[in-house]
Protein backbone atom coordinates (compact mmCIF):
# COMPACT_ATOMS: atom_id res chain seq x y z
CA MET A 1 -2.09 4.02 -20.68
CA VAL A 2 -2.33 6.59 -17.88
CA GLN A 3 -5.60 5.13 -16.59
CA ASP A 4 -4.10 1.65 -16.66
CA SER A 5 -1.14 2.61 -14.45
CA ILE A 6 -3.42 4.49 -12.05
CA LYS A 7 -5.75 1.48 -11.85
CA LYS A 8 -2.83 -0.86 -11.11
CA PHE A 9 -1.54 1.59 -8.50
CA ARG A 10 -4.96 1.71 -6.80
CA GLN A 11 -5.31 -2.08 -6.83
CA ILE A 12 -1.84 -2.70 -5.40
CA GLY A 13 -2.50 0.04 -2.83
CA THR A 14 -5.59 -1.81 -1.66
CA ILE A 15 -3.79 -5.16 -1.48
CA GLU A 16 -0.82 -3.56 0.28
CA GLY A 17 -3.20 -1.93 2.76
CA TYR A 18 -4.75 -5.28 3.62
CA SER A 19 -1.33 -6.88 4.00
CA TYR A 20 -0.34 -4.09 6.42
CA LEU A 21 -3.45 -4.71 8.51
CA ILE A 22 -2.82 -8.46 8.53
CA LEU A 23 0.75 -7.83 9.63
CA LEU A 24 -0.26 -5.48 12.44
CA PHE A 25 -3.37 -7.18 13.76
CA ILE A 26 -2.83 -10.87 13.04
CA ALA A 27 0.86 -11.70 12.50
CA MET A 28 2.32 -9.51 15.24
CA PRO A 29 -0.08 -10.77 17.94
CA LEU A 30 0.75 -14.32 16.83
CA LYS A 31 4.43 -13.55 17.32
CA TYR A 32 4.30 -11.69 20.62
CA ILE A 33 1.31 -13.26 22.36
CA PHE A 34 1.43 -16.84 21.07
CA ASP A 35 5.20 -17.04 20.45
CA TYR A 36 4.83 -17.86 16.76
CA PRO A 37 7.43 -15.72 14.93
CA MET A 38 6.99 -17.47 11.57
CA ALA A 39 3.77 -15.49 10.96
CA VAL A 40 5.68 -12.20 10.94
CA LYS A 41 8.38 -13.62 8.67
CA ILE A 42 5.89 -14.75 6.05
CA VAL A 43 3.45 -11.84 6.22
CA GLY A 44 6.26 -9.31 6.70
CA MET A 45 8.09 -10.47 3.57
CA THR A 46 4.88 -10.43 1.56
CA HIS A 47 4.03 -6.95 2.79
CA GLY A 48 7.56 -5.74 2.04
CA VAL A 49 7.40 -6.92 -1.56
CA LEU A 50 3.95 -5.36 -1.99
CA PHE A 51 5.17 -2.08 -0.49
CA ILE A 52 8.11 -1.91 -2.91
CA LEU A 53 5.73 -2.62 -5.79
CA PHE A 54 3.38 0.05 -4.44
CA CYS A 55 6.21 2.61 -4.40
CA MET A 56 7.27 1.73 -7.93
CA LEU A 57 3.71 2.05 -9.23
CA LEU A 58 3.29 5.31 -7.31
CA VAL A 59 6.25 6.83 -9.15
CA LEU A 60 4.98 5.50 -12.48
CA ALA A 61 1.45 6.82 -11.96
CA TRP A 62 2.78 10.14 -10.64
CA ARG A 63 4.87 10.71 -13.74
CA GLN A 64 2.24 9.60 -16.23
CA ALA A 65 -0.70 11.39 -14.60
CA GLU A 66 1.42 14.46 -13.75
CA TRP A 67 0.21 14.65 -10.16
CA SER A 68 1.51 17.46 -7.99
CA HIS A 69 4.22 16.78 -5.42
CA LYS A 70 1.62 17.39 -2.72
CA GLU A 71 -0.66 14.64 -4.01
CA ASN A 72 2.24 12.26 -4.46
CA ALA A 73 3.38 12.91 -0.88
CA LEU A 74 -0.18 12.41 0.35
CA PHE A 75 -0.49 9.00 -1.34
CA PHE A 76 2.88 7.90 0.03
CA ALA A 77 2.20 9.15 3.57
CA ALA A 78 -1.20 7.45 3.57
CA SER A 79 0.50 4.13 2.88
CA LEU A 80 2.45 4.45 6.14
CA VAL A 81 -0.66 4.78 8.29
CA PRO A 82 -2.98 1.84 8.99
CA PHE A 83 -6.17 2.28 6.93
CA GLY A 84 -4.53 5.23 5.13
CA THR A 85 -4.61 3.78 1.63
CA PHE A 86 -8.33 3.12 1.99
CA PHE A 87 -8.99 6.83 2.64
CA THR A 88 -7.09 7.91 -0.48
CA GLU A 89 -8.70 5.32 -2.75
CA LYS A 90 -11.63 7.61 -3.61
CA LYS A 91 -9.24 10.40 -4.64
CA ILE A 92 -7.23 8.00 -6.79
CA LYS A 93 -10.43 6.78 -8.51
CA THR A 94 -11.12 10.32 -9.69
CA TYR A 95 -8.01 10.11 -11.86
CA GLU A 96 -9.03 6.87 -13.59
């Protein structure tokens, strides 16, 4: 059960990381350079839902795997930085 929640957390973290990169490097240039704001609305909403799911799975995995507060803060902070979740993926895999 613990490995399952950690695996789901890692998978959603990867998907959420890609959605963040798409938002920053594709949707935002479409909005501000090519005057196409719909891209940010669609990708932004998708990323928002994925981020909320990421946070919920982070709390679930944290409680089940009994991670320290430091590790939990690291995983959350990494999600706020572009490419951050990809750097923590190896650490998360060690818990699976």
